[in-house]
Protein backbone atom coordinates (compact mmCIF):
# COMPACT_ATOMS: atom_id res chain seq x y z
CA UNK A 1 -3.74 -6.20 30.43
CA UNK A 2 -6.93 -4.32 32.00
CA UNK A 3 -4.18 -2.10 34.41
CA UNK A 4 -2.17 -1.39 31.37
CA UNK A 5 -4.91 -0.03 29.38
CA UNK A 6 -5.89 1.76 32.33
CA UNK A 7 -2.95 3.32 33.43
CA UNK A 8 -0.91 4.02 30.18
CA UNK A 9 -1.12 6.85 27.46
CA UNK A 10 0.54 4.19 24.63
CA UNK A 11 -1.99 1.21 25.32
CA UNK A 12 -5.06 3.91 25.35
CA UNK A 13 -4.01 4.59 22.13
CA UNK A 14 -3.48 1.53 20.63
CA UNK A 15 -6.70 0.02 21.53
CA UNK A 16 -8.63 3.22 19.96
CA UNK A 17 -5.81 3.24 16.61
CA UNK A 18 -7.16 -1.15 16.81
CA UNK A 19 -10.21 -0.18 16.60
CA UNK A 20 -9.99 2.83 13.91
CA UNK A 21 -7.89 0.53 11.44
CA UNK A 22 -10.21 -2.39 11.47
CA UNK A 23 -12.78 0.25 9.95
CA UNK A 24 -10.57 1.75 7.34
CA UNK A 25 -10.05 -2.16 6.10
CA UNK A 26 -14.21 -3.16 6.48
CA UNK A 27 -15.16 -0.98 3.90
CA UNK A 28 -11.30 0.00 1.70
CA UNK A 29 -10.46 -3.69 2.18
CA UNK A 30 -14.14 -4.77 1.24
CA UNK A 31 -13.59 -2.71 -2.26
CA UNK A 32 -10.21 -4.51 -2.65
CA UNK A 33 -11.39 -7.82 -2.27
CA UNK A 34 -13.82 -7.31 -4.74
CA UNK A 35 -11.88 -5.57 -7.22
CA UNK A 36 -8.72 -7.57 -6.89
CA UNK A 37 -6.42 -5.29 -6.70
CA UNK A 38 -5.11 -7.17 -3.59
CA UNK A 39 -1.29 -6.86 -6.32
CA UNK A 40 -2.01 -3.06 -6.79
CA UNK A 41 -2.37 -2.08 -2.97
CA UNK A 42 0.25 -4.40 -2.02
CA UNK A 43 2.46 -2.41 -4.23
CA UNK A 44 1.44 1.03 -3.35
CA UNK A 45 2.09 -0.15 0.18
CA UNK A 46 5.99 -1.68 -0.98
CA UNK A 47 6.51 2.03 -2.19
CA UNK A 48 5.60 3.47 1.09
CA UNK A 49 9.66 2.99 2.40
CA UNK A 50 11.09 5.14 -0.93
CA UNK A 51 9.24 7.09 1.07
CA UNK A 52 9.71 6.20 4.75
CA UNK A 53 13.58 6.44 2.97
CA UNK A 54 13.04 9.69 1.38
CA UNK A 55 12.27 11.19 4.36
CA UNK A 56 14.56 10.52 6.74
CA UNK A 57 17.04 11.31 4.19
CA UNK A 58 16.15 14.65 3.89
CA UNK A 59 14.84 16.22 7.37
CA UNK A 60 10.25 15.74 7.26
CA UNK A 61 8.83 12.88 9.29
CA UNK A 62 8.77 9.07 7.81
CA UNK A 63 4.94 8.59 7.61
CA UNK A 64 4.72 12.29 5.47
CA UNK A 65 7.06 10.78 2.37
CA UNK A 66 5.36 7.72 2.83
CA UNK A 67 1.74 8.93 1.41
CA UNK A 68 3.60 11.33 -0.91
CA UNK A 69 5.25 8.06 -2.40
CA UNK A 70 1.53 6.02 -2.18
CA UNK A 71 -0.38 9.00 -3.51
CA UNK A 72 2.82 9.33 -6.51
CA UNK A 73 2.60 5.86 -7.39
CA UNK A 74 -1.28 5.55 -6.99
CA UNK A 75 -1.78 8.00 -9.45
CA UNK A 76 1.68 6.90 -11.63
CA UNK A 77 -0.67 3.47 -11.26
CA UNK A 78 -4.09 5.21 -12.76
CA UNK A 79 -2.33 6.61 -15.37
CA UNK A 80 -0.43 3.74 -17.02
CA UNK A 81 -2.54 1.53 -16.14
CA UNK A 82 -5.47 3.90 -18.62
CA UNK A 83 -2.59 5.74 -21.51
CA UNK A 84 -0.17 2.92 -22.04
CA UNK A 85 -3.01 -1.09 -21.17
CA UNK A 86 -1.05 -2.72 -19.02
CA UNK A 87 -2.81 -4.57 -16.14
CA UNK A 88 -2.64 -3.44 -11.98
CA UNK A 89 -1.17 -6.87 -11.52
CA UNK A 90 2.76 -5.88 -14.34
CA UNK A 91 2.60 -2.66 -12.57
CA UNK A 92 2.31 -3.42 -9.23
CA UNK A 93 5.34 -6.22 -9.91
CA UNK A 94 7.11 -2.93 -10.62
CA UNK A 95 6.25 -1.11 -8.75
CA UNK A 96 6.89 -3.51 -5.95
CA UNK A 97 10.87 -3.34 -5.61
CA UNK A 98 10.31 0.11 -6.78
CA UNK A 99 9.89 1.61 -3.51
CA UNK A 100 12.13 -0.91 -1.59
CA UNK A 101 14.78 -0.51 -4.03
CA UNK A 102 14.22 3.82 -3.32
CA UNK A 103 13.54 2.96 0.48
CA UNK A 104 17.48 0.90 0.80
CA UNK A 105 18.95 3.63 -1.29
CA UNK A 106 16.83 6.70 0.61
CA UNK A 107 18.31 5.27 4.08
CA UNK A 108 22.27 4.38 2.95
CA UNK A 109 22.35 8.07 2.13
CA UNK A 110 21.09 9.15 4.83
CA UNK A 111 23.68 11.41 7.30
CA UNK A 112 24.79 8.89 10.42
CA UNK A 113 23.74 6.28 12.10
CA UNK A 114 21.14 4.38 9.82
CA UNK A 115 17.81 5.02 11.37
CA UNK A 116 15.88 1.94 12.72
CA UNK A 117 12.86 1.40 10.33
CA UNK A 118 11.41 -1.69 12.21
CA UNK A 119 8.59 -0.60 13.53
CA UNK A 120 7.43 1.21 9.96
CA UNK A 121 8.38 -2.65 8.25
CA UNK A 122 6.80 -4.22 10.31
CA UNK A 123 4.62 -2.22 12.78
CA UNK A 124 3.97 -1.74 16.20
CA UNK A 125 0.93 -0.60 17.55
CA UNK A 126 2.21 0.50 20.83
CA UNK A 127 4.15 4.03 19.38
CA UNK A 128 1.13 5.08 18.03
CA UNK A 129 0.81 9.16 18.41
CA UNK A 130 -2.34 10.97 18.99
CA UNK A 131 -1.69 12.34 14.94
CA UNK A 132 -1.68 8.42 13.90
CA UNK A 133 -4.44 8.86 15.31
CA UNK A 134 -6.71 11.82 14.15
CA UNK A 135 -5.01 10.79 10.33
CA UNK A 136 -6.77 7.79 10.35
CA UNK A 137 -10.22 9.49 12.22
CA UNK A 138 -10.16 11.89 9.31
CA UNK A 139 -9.49 9.12 6.66
CA UNK A 140 -12.75 7.35 7.80
CA UNK A 141 -14.60 11.03 7.92
CA UNK A 142 -13.42 11.42 4.43
CA UNK A 143 -14.53 7.56 3.56
CA UNK A 144 -17.79 8.04 4.69
CA UNK A 145 -18.45 11.26 3.41
CA UNK A 146 -17.35 9.46 -0.03
CA UNK A 147 -18.79 6.21 0.66
CA UNK A 148 -22.70 7.18 1.68
CA UNK A 149 -23.66 9.77 -1.23
CA UNK A 150 -22.32 7.59 -4.00
CA UNK A 151 -23.42 3.18 -2.56
CA UNK A 152 -24.82 2.67 -5.45
CA UNK A 153 -22.70 4.27 -8.40
CA UNK A 154 -19.54 2.14 -6.21
CA UNK A 155 -21.33 -1.39 -6.13
CA UNK A 156 -22.14 -0.71 -9.96
CA UNK A 157 -18.83 0.14 -10.58
CA UNK A 158 -17.07 -2.63 -8.68
CA UNK A 159 -19.00 -5.52 -10.42
CA UNK A 160 -19.51 -4.21 -13.83
CA UNK A 161 -17.52 -0.91 -14.67
CA UNK A 162 -18.39 -1.59 -18.70
CA UNK A 163 -21.88 -1.70 -17.70
CA UNK A 164 -21.20 1.56 -14.99
CA UNK A 165 -19.40 3.89 -17.73
CA UNK A 166 -22.47 2.84 -20.16
CA UNK A 167 -24.90 4.75 -16.84
CA UNK A 168 -22.79 7.51 -17.17
CA UNK A 169 -20.86 7.31 -13.66
CA UNK A 170 -17.25 8.51 -14.83
CA UNK A 171 -15.51 4.86 -13.96
CA UNK A 172 -11.59 7.21 -15.25
CA UNK A 173 -11.93 9.39 -12.53
CA UNK A 174 -13.79 6.43 -10.20
CA UNK A 175 -10.02 4.06 -11.02
CA UNK A 176 -8.12 7.39 -9.65
CA UNK A 177 -10.39 7.98 -6.41
CA UNK A 178 -9.96 4.74 -5.59
CA UNK A 179 -6.37 4.22 -5.60
CA UNK A 180 -5.71 7.52 -4.03
CA UNK A 181 -8.54 6.05 -1.18
CA UNK A 182 -6.31 2.43 -1.31
CA UNK A 183 -2.91 5.05 -0.51
CA UNK A 184 -4.71 6.57 2.55
CA UNK A 185 -5.32 3.84 3.87
CA UNK A 186 -2.13 2.30 3.20
CA UNK A 187 0.28 5.12 4.63
CA UNK A 188 -2.00 4.79 7.84
CA UNK A 189 -2.61 1.21 8.95
CA UNK A 190 1.85 1.61 8.53
CA UNK A 191 2.06 1.69 11.82
CA UNK A 192 -0.10 -0.63 13.25
CA UNK A 193 0.52 -3.66 11.35
CA UNK A 194 4.06 -2.13 8.94
CA UNK A 195 4.94 -1.79 4.68
CA UNK A 196 5.48 -5.14 4.99
CA UNK A 197 1.66 -7.02 5.91
CA UNK A 198 0.11 -4.11 5.61
CA UNK A 199 -1.74 -6.22 2.47
CA UNK A 200 -3.22 -8.56 4.87
CA UNK A 201 -4.39 -6.39 7.10
CA UNK A 202 -6.36 -5.12 4.26
CA UNK A 203 -7.22 -8.40 2.86
CA UNK A 204 -7.73 -10.95 5.48
CA UNK A 205 -10.44 -9.58 7.16
CA UNK A 206 -12.88 -9.40 3.50
CA UNK A 207 -11.20 -12.61 2.55
CA UNK A 208 -13.09 -14.40 5.96
CA UNK A 209 -16.88 -12.38 5.16
CA UNK A 210 -16.74 -13.32 1.48
CA UNK A 211 -16.95 -16.95 2.74
CA UNK A 212 -19.72 -16.50 4.02
CA UNK A 213 -21.74 -13.43 2.59
CA UNK A 214 -21.66 -11.68 -1.67
CA UNK A 215 -23.21 -8.40 -0.25
CA UNK A 216 -21.57 -5.76 0.00
CA UNK A 217 -22.50 -3.87 2.96
CA UNK A 218 -22.83 -6.42 4.66
CA UNK A 219 -19.31 -7.19 3.31
CA UNK A 220 -18.45 -3.60 5.09
CA UNK A 221 -20.14 -4.38 8.36
CA UNK A 222 -18.72 -8.12 8.93
CA UNK A 223 -14.92 -7.12 7.88
CA UNK A 224 -14.46 -4.20 9.81
CA UNK A 225 -15.29 -6.43 12.45
CA UNK A 226 -13.56 -9.56 11.84
CA UNK A 227 -10.28 -6.57 11.44
CA UNK A 228 -11.31 -5.72 15.81
CA UNK A 229 -11.34 -9.04 16.62
CA UNK A 230 -8.04 -9.48 14.78
CA UNK A 231 -5.92 -6.30 15.92
CA UNK A 232 -8.22 -6.20 19.71
CA UNK A 233 -6.85 -9.92 19.49
CA UNK A 234 -3.54 -9.49 18.26
CA UNK A 235 -2.94 -6.41 20.98
CA UNK A 236 -4.08 -8.41 23.78
CA UNK A 237 -1.89 -11.99 22.36
CA UNK A 238 0.94 -9.70 21.56
CA UNK A 239 0.95 -7.55 25.46
CA UNK A 240 1.04 -10.89 27.48
CA UNK A 241 3.48 -12.89 24.88
CA UNK A 242 5.60 -10.11 24.80
CA UNK A 243 6.25 -10.06 21.27
CA UNK A 244 5.71 -7.74 18.01
CA UNK A 245 2.27 -7.24 17.59
CA UNK A 246 1.91 -6.74 13.80
CA UNK A 247 3.25 -11.03 12.85
CA UNK A 248 0.91 -11.67 15.92
CA UNK A 249 -2.30 -10.01 13.93
CA UNK A 250 -1.72 -10.84 10.77
CA UNK A 251 -1.23 -13.93 12.04
CA UNK A 252 -4.64 -14.71 14.15
CA UNK A 253 -6.06 -13.85 10.72
CA UNK A 254 -4.63 -15.79 9.28
CA UNK A 255 -5.75 -18.63 12.00
CA UNK A 256 -9.43 -17.00 12.09
CA UNK A 257 -9.34 -17.55 7.45
CA UNK A 258 -8.30 -20.87 8.02
CA UNK A 259 -10.85 -21.71 10.82
CA UNK A 260 -13.51 -20.23 8.54
CA UNK A 261 -13.19 -21.66 5.35
CA UNK A 262 -12.56 -25.18 7.27
CA UNK A 263 -15.56 -24.70 8.54
CA UNK A 264 -17.73 -23.69 6.17
CA UNK A 265 -16.47 -26.20 4.13
CA UNK A 266 -18.16 -28.88 7.20
CA UNK A 267 -21.23 -26.74 7.89
CA UNK A 268 -21.59 -27.26 3.80
CA UNK A 269 -20.92 -31.20 3.82
CA UNK A 270 -23.42 -31.74 6.71
CA UNK A 271 -25.76 -30.24 5.04
CA UNK A 272 -25.26 -31.58 1.42
CA UNK A 273 -25.51 -35.05 3.96
CA UNK A 274 -29.10 -34.75 5.46
CA UNK A 275 -31.75 -36.66 4.03
């Protein structure tokens, strides 16, 4: 594999994409897990399929269409949650099939032969372009520009929204900002594991880390490192076995989570059994 990395640009792009995607997972994935927004993030990711289909129908880059529908669904869910008082899971349950249905409809209306949607549905990190890398890099810069000055208010907002409101933190605005960041993160990660599997990439690393620590800053750092192991390990295995990279990345992550959970239980049991 080392020869391929040195020889082929697409392998270099894939490795860089894996590292950048892991940083996004470390930051946004930790927030999603701690805020219990897994279903909402899943709804936004599946809404992206409607944007992909729209992109093919009107002749624009499908990932731009995906970003548009992701942001639209994020704003719509935040607005509805604030004004209609519908919880996130219910909204996600409606947005999830709506996005997929629109995608199927738009693709069926696209003139000519139906386009191949496999790379968007299931991901293929080997097809990542320089544009995708730039998009991910810019998102990371924006995330850090927001995270560094607002880290303490963010912690307060995540763990006790009512207390944050009493302390003058604009929690409604924070909801919109958070939903937008989730939408952007989902969009840039589609190329790595696809619409169907992106929620696993966002939640598995943070869930693994949460077994061992509850400190918010450590969770972000360790989740990013777990994400790198998932993405780089999955990329290497998929290359060696000649199988789809997105599925291998998620399966490796699931095995890591299972091993972490079992290992933690064993260690805890051994500690309790000591005299």
